[in-house]
Amino acid sequence: MYESAFPVGRLVREVADKCQLCTQRSWQRPYGVGLLVAGVDALGPHLYQTCPSGQFWKYRAMAIGARSQAARTYLERKVDEFDACDADGLIQHALAALQVRRKHLSGCEAGCGCAHFCAHFTLCACAGVAAGRRRDEQECGGQRGV
């Protein structure tokens, strides 16, 4: 059990069950946030969306949040191209989806992060990604996620 692989679908189901339980009890307030959960397990990459009611859905591409409809429309139009893309191509599509809704964003909201899946999980939140170019771990200061 410990130190073993945990399927992404099971993780999302447990989070959704926890959210849904709060909607059944009058003394608890429901969670007020939805999540986009991305992960890789033995079956490959997965992307799920959860909502505060406890429902969850699996997607190939998704955008959530305020004024995300333009990004969702872009992703729906381009989703068939994603299978042929490498990591850089997928990052370019993600940045293009952000660019579509950029006219509605202030400078603070326009940040972007990039997760690299190699031997270790690395999360880079650096300005170069938002500018449309990837940076490696050394340029990002070696920031690592768990």
C-alpha atoms as a PDB file:
ATOM      1  CA  MET A   1       0.000   0.000   0.000  1.00  0.00           C
ATOM      2  CA  TYR A   2       2.552   2.611   1.040  1.00  0.00           C
ATOM      3  CA  GLU A   3       5.121   3.714  -1.507  1.00  0.00           C
ATOM      4  CA  SER A   4       2.988   2.193  -4.280  1.00  0.00           C
ATOM      5  CA  ALA A   5       1.493   3.813  -7.347  1.00  0.00           C
ATOM      6  CA  PHE A   6      -1.856   5.520  -6.811  1.00  0.00           C
ATOM      7  CA  PRO A   7      -4.135   5.765  -9.869  1.00  0.00           C
ATOM      8  CA  VAL A   8      -5.141   9.332 -10.687  1.00  0.00           C
ATOM      9  CA  GLY A   9      -8.796   8.342 -11.120  1.00  0.00           C
ATOM     10  CA  ARG A  10      -8.945   6.931  -7.601  1.00  0.00           C
ATOM     11  CA  LEU A  11      -7.390  10.081  -6.151  1.00  0.00           C
ATOM     12  CA  VAL A  12      -9.954  12.273  -7.920  1.00  0.00           C
ATOM     13  CA  ARG A  13     -12.807  10.011  -6.819  1.00  0.00           C
ATOM     14  CA  GLU A  14     -11.704  10.269  -3.176  1.00  0.00           C
ATOM     15  CA  VAL A  15     -11.438  14.058  -3.377  1.00  0.00           C
ATOM     16  CA  ALA A  16     -14.884  14.253  -5.022  1.00  0.00           C
ATOM     17  CA  ASP A  17     -16.378  11.942  -2.366  1.00  0.00           C
ATOM     18  CA  LYS A  18     -14.980  14.191   0.360  1.00  0.00           C
ATOM     19  CA  CYS A  19     -16.520  17.240  -1.330  1.00  0.00           C
ATOM     20  CA  GLN A  20     -19.868  15.503  -1.800  1.00  0.00           C
ATOM     21  CA  LEU A  21     -20.024  14.415   1.840  1.00  0.00           C
ATOM     22  CA  CYS A  22     -20.034  18.065   2.919  1.00  0.00           C
ATOM     23  CA  THR A  23     -23.174  18.699   0.869  1.00  0.00           C
ATOM     24  CA  GLN A  24     -25.096  16.040   2.855  1.00  0.00           C
ATOM     25  CA  ARG A  25     -24.500  17.440   6.327  1.00  0.00           C
ATOM     26  CA  SER A  26     -26.308  20.551   7.488  1.00  0.00           C
ATOM     27  CA  TRP A  27     -23.558  21.510   9.938  1.00  0.00           C
ATOM     28  CA  GLN A  28     -20.829  21.541   7.289  1.00  0.00           C
ATOM     29  CA  ARG A  29     -20.369  24.035   4.513  1.00  0.00           C
ATOM     30  CA  PRO A  30     -19.585  22.669   1.043  1.00  0.00           C
ATOM     31  CA  TYR A  31     -16.204  23.361  -0.447  1.00  0.00           C
ATOM     32  CA  GLY A  32     -16.396  26.369  -2.726  1.00  0.00           C
ATOM     33  CA  VAL A  33     -13.778  25.500  -5.326  1.00  0.00           C
ATOM     34  CA  GLY A  34     -13.437  23.284  -8.348  1.00  0.00           C
ATOM     35  CA  LEU A  35     -10.130  21.689  -9.244  1.00  0.00           C
ATOM     36  CA  LEU A  36      -8.307  20.660 -12.379  1.00  0.00           C
ATOM     37  CA  VAL A  37      -6.290  17.586 -11.476  1.00  0.00           C
ATOM     38  CA  ALA A  38      -3.629  16.417 -13.922  1.00  0.00           C
ATOM     39  CA  GLY A  39      -1.589  13.309 -13.341  1.00  0.00           C
ATOM     40  CA  VAL A  40       0.260  10.425 -14.898  1.00  0.00           C
ATOM     41  CA  ASP A  41      -0.090   6.828 -13.767  1.00  0.00           C
ATOM     42  CA  ALA A  42       0.441   3.381 -15.291  1.00  0.00           C
ATOM     43  CA  LEU A  43      -2.376   4.028 -17.786  1.00  0.00           C
ATOM     44  CA  GLY A  44      -0.894   7.318 -19.019  1.00  0.00           C
ATOM     45  CA  PRO A  45      -1.775  10.999 -18.548  1.00  0.00           C
ATOM     46  CA  HIS A  46      -5.159  12.042 -17.158  1.00  0.00           C
ATOM     47  CA  LEU A  47      -6.999  15.330 -16.677  1.00  0.00           C
ATOM     48  CA  TYR A  48     -10.018  15.601 -14.383  1.00  0.00           C
ATOM     49  CA  GLN A  49     -12.233  18.434 -13.225  1.00  0.00           C
ATOM     50  CA  THR A  50     -13.986  18.318  -9.867  1.00  0.00           C
ATOM     51  CA  CYS A  51     -16.731  20.624  -8.655  1.00  0.00           C
ATOM     52  CA  PRO A  52     -17.857  21.499  -5.108  1.00  0.00           C
ATOM     53  CA  SER A  53     -20.904  19.218  -5.369  1.00  0.00           C
ATOM     54  CA  GLY A  54     -18.665  16.157  -5.652  1.00  0.00           C
ATOM     55  CA  GLN A  55     -19.078  15.495  -9.341  1.00  0.00           C
ATOM     56  CA  PHE A  56     -16.015  14.904 -11.494  1.00  0.00           C
ATOM     57  CA  TRP A  57     -15.346  14.538 -15.210  1.00  0.00           C
ATOM     58  CA  LYS A  58     -12.420  13.339 -17.281  1.00  0.00           C
ATOM     59  CA  TYR A  59     -11.209  15.561 -20.126  1.00  0.00           C
ATOM     60  CA  ARG A  60      -8.525  15.680 -22.783  1.00  0.00           C
ATOM     61  CA  ALA A  61      -8.264  19.471 -22.415  1.00  0.00           C
ATOM     62  CA  MET A  62     -10.075  21.903 -20.123  1.00  0.00           C
ATOM     63  CA  ALA A  63      -9.977  25.436 -18.737  1.00  0.00           C
ATOM     64  CA  ILE A  64     -11.847  26.548 -15.642  1.00  0.00           C
ATOM     65  CA  GLY A  65     -12.299  29.798 -13.800  1.00  0.00           C
ATOM     66  CA  ALA A  66     -13.598  33.255 -14.477  1.00  0.00           C
ATOM     67  CA  ARG A  67     -13.746  34.143 -18.174  1.00  0.00           C
ATOM     68  CA  SER A  68     -12.466  30.719 -19.265  1.00  0.00           C
ATOM     69  CA  GLN A  69     -15.023  30.182 -22.043  1.00  0.00           C
ATOM     70  CA  ALA A  70     -12.728  31.580 -24.755  1.00  0.00           C
ATOM     71  CA  ALA A  71      -9.917  29.236 -23.702  1.00  0.00           C
ATOM     72  CA  ARG A  72     -12.319  26.252 -23.647  1.00  0.00           C
ATOM     73  CA  THR A  73     -13.520  27.129 -27.150  1.00  0.00           C
ATOM     74  CA  TYR A  74      -9.931  27.253 -28.404  1.00  0.00           C
ATOM     75  CA  LEU A  75      -9.126  23.895 -26.782  1.00  0.00           C
ATOM     76  CA  GLU A  76     -12.265  22.275 -28.233  1.00  0.00           C
ATOM     77  CA  ARG A  77     -11.282  23.397 -31.731  1.00  0.00           C
ATOM     78  CA  LYS A  78      -7.686  22.171 -31.417  1.00  0.00           C
ATOM     79  CA  VAL A  79      -8.114  18.985 -29.340  1.00  0.00           C
ATOM     80  CA  ASP A  80      -7.640  16.676 -32.331  1.00  0.00           C
ATOM     81  CA  GLU A  81      -4.142  18.106 -32.904  1.00  0.00           C
ATOM     82  CA  PHE A  82      -2.913  17.281 -29.382  1.00  0.00           C
ATOM     83  CA  ASP A  83      -2.108  13.605 -30.027  1.00  0.00           C
ATOM     84  CA  ALA A  84       0.465  14.532 -32.677  1.00  0.00           C
ATOM     85  CA  CYS A  85       2.148  17.190 -30.499  1.00  0.00           C
ATOM     86  CA  ASP A  86       5.284  16.828 -28.416  1.00  0.00           C
ATOM     87  CA  ALA A  87       5.648  18.582 -25.042  1.00  0.00           C
ATOM     88  CA  ASP A  88       6.686  21.876 -26.633  1.00  0.00           C
ATOM     89  CA  GLY A  89       3.693  21.789 -28.975  1.00  0.00           C
ATOM     90  CA  LEU A  90       1.310  21.185 -26.073  1.00  0.00           C
ATOM     91  CA  ILE A  91       2.849  24.084 -24.161  1.00  0.00           C
ATOM     92  CA  GLN A  92       2.338  26.303 -27.207  1.00  0.00           C
ATOM     93  CA  HIS A  93      -1.350  25.290 -27.336  1.00  0.00           C
ATOM     94  CA  ALA A  94      -1.721  26.055 -23.616  1.00  0.00           C
ATOM     95  CA  LEU A  95      -0.142  29.472 -24.109  1.00  0.00           C
ATOM     96  CA  ALA A  96      -2.364  30.129 -27.125  1.00  0.00           C
ATOM     97  CA  ALA A  97      -5.430  29.281 -25.016  1.00  0.00           C
ATOM     98  CA  LEU A  98      -4.226  31.789 -22.427  1.00  0.00           C
ATOM     99  CA  GLN A  99      -3.560  34.336 -25.153  1.00  0.00           C
ATOM    100  CA  VAL A 100      -7.161  34.021 -26.368  1.00  0.00           C
ATOM    101  CA  ARG A 101      -8.412  35.174 -22.993  1.00  0.00           C
ATOM    102  CA  ARG A 102      -5.514  37.533 -22.305  1.00  0.00           C
ATOM    103  CA  LYS A 103      -7.533  40.585 -23.316  1.00  0.00           C
ATOM    104  CA  HIS A 104      -9.674  39.964 -20.222  1.00  0.00           C
ATOM    105  CA  LEU A 105      -6.750  39.444 -17.823  1.00  0.00           C
ATOM    106  CA  SER A 106      -4.786  41.897 -15.743  1.00  0.00           C
ATOM    107  CA  GLY A 107      -1.014  41.511 -15.435  1.00  0.00           C
ATOM    108  CA  CYS A 108      -1.315  39.640 -12.123  1.00  0.00           C
ATOM    109  CA  GLU A 109      -3.635  36.985 -13.539  1.00  0.00           C
ATOM    110  CA  ALA A 110      -1.638  36.231 -16.682  1.00  0.00           C
ATOM    111  CA  GLY A 111       1.013  34.028 -15.030  1.00  0.00           C
ATOM    112  CA  CYS A 112       1.710  30.529 -16.271  1.00  0.00           C
ATOM    113  CA  GLY A 113       3.414  27.423 -14.936  1.00  0.00           C
ATOM    114  CA  CYS A 114       4.840  24.384 -16.652  1.00  0.00           C
ATOM    115  CA  ALA A 115       5.138  20.892 -15.168  1.00  0.00           C
ATOM    116  CA  HIS A 116       7.794  18.560 -16.544  1.00  0.00           C
ATOM    117  CA  PHE A 117       7.439  14.818 -15.921  1.00  0.00           C
ATOM    118  CA  CYS A 118      10.806  13.111 -15.966  1.00  0.00           C
ATOM    119  CA  ALA A 119      12.459  11.053 -13.251  1.00  0.00           C
ATOM    120  CA  HIS A 120      11.165  13.623 -10.759  1.00  0.00           C
ATOM    121  CA  PHE A 121       8.256  16.007 -10.904  1.00  0.00           C
ATOM    122  CA  THR A 122       9.454  19.549 -11.520  1.00  0.00           C
ATOM    123  CA  LEU A 123       7.233  22.598 -11.360  1.00  0.00           C
ATOM    124  CA  CYS A 124       8.597  25.698 -13.017  1.00  0.00           C
ATOM    125  CA  ALA A 125       6.810  28.977 -12.464  1.00  0.00           C
ATOM    126  CA  CYS A 126       9.020  31.386 -14.309  1.00  0.00           C
ATOM    127  CA  ALA A 127       8.407  34.332 -16.600  1.00  0.00           C
ATOM    128  CA  GLY A 128      10.022  32.615 -19.585  1.00  0.00           C
ATOM    129  CA  VAL A 129       7.164  30.135 -19.875  1.00  0.00           C
ATOM    130  CA  ALA A 130       4.628  32.946 -20.064  1.00  0.00           C
ATOM    131  CA  ALA A 131       6.747  34.515 -22.798  1.00  0.00           C
ATOM    132  CA  GLY A 132       6.370  31.347 -24.862  1.00  0.00           C
ATOM    133  CA  ARG A 133       9.684  29.594 -24.307  1.00  0.00           C
ATOM    134  CA  ARG A 134      10.477  26.684 -22.047  1.00  0.00           C
ATOM    135  CA  ARG A 135      13.120  26.951 -19.393  1.00  0.00           C
ATOM    136  CA  ASP A 136      14.861  24.017 -17.855  1.00  0.00           C
ATOM    137  CA  GLU A 137      15.186  23.382 -14.144  1.00  0.00           C
ATOM    138  CA  GLN A 138      18.480  25.301 -13.771  1.00  0.00           C
ATOM    139  CA  GLU A 139      16.950  28.476 -15.199  1.00  0.00           C
ATOM    140  CA  CYS A 140      14.005  28.191 -12.829  1.00  0.00           C
ATOM    141  CA  GLY A 141      16.231  28.024  -9.777  1.00  0.00           C
ATOM    142  CA  GLY A 142      15.674  24.307  -9.212  1.00  0.00           C
ATOM    143  CA  GLN A 143      12.154  24.686  -7.816  1.00  0.00           C
ATOM    144  CA  ARG A 144      10.685  21.238  -7.283  1.00  0.00           C
ATOM    145  CA  GLY A 145       7.188  20.072  -6.489  1.00  0.00           C
ATOM    146  CA  VAL A 146       6.199  16.842  -4.830  1.00  0.00           C
END
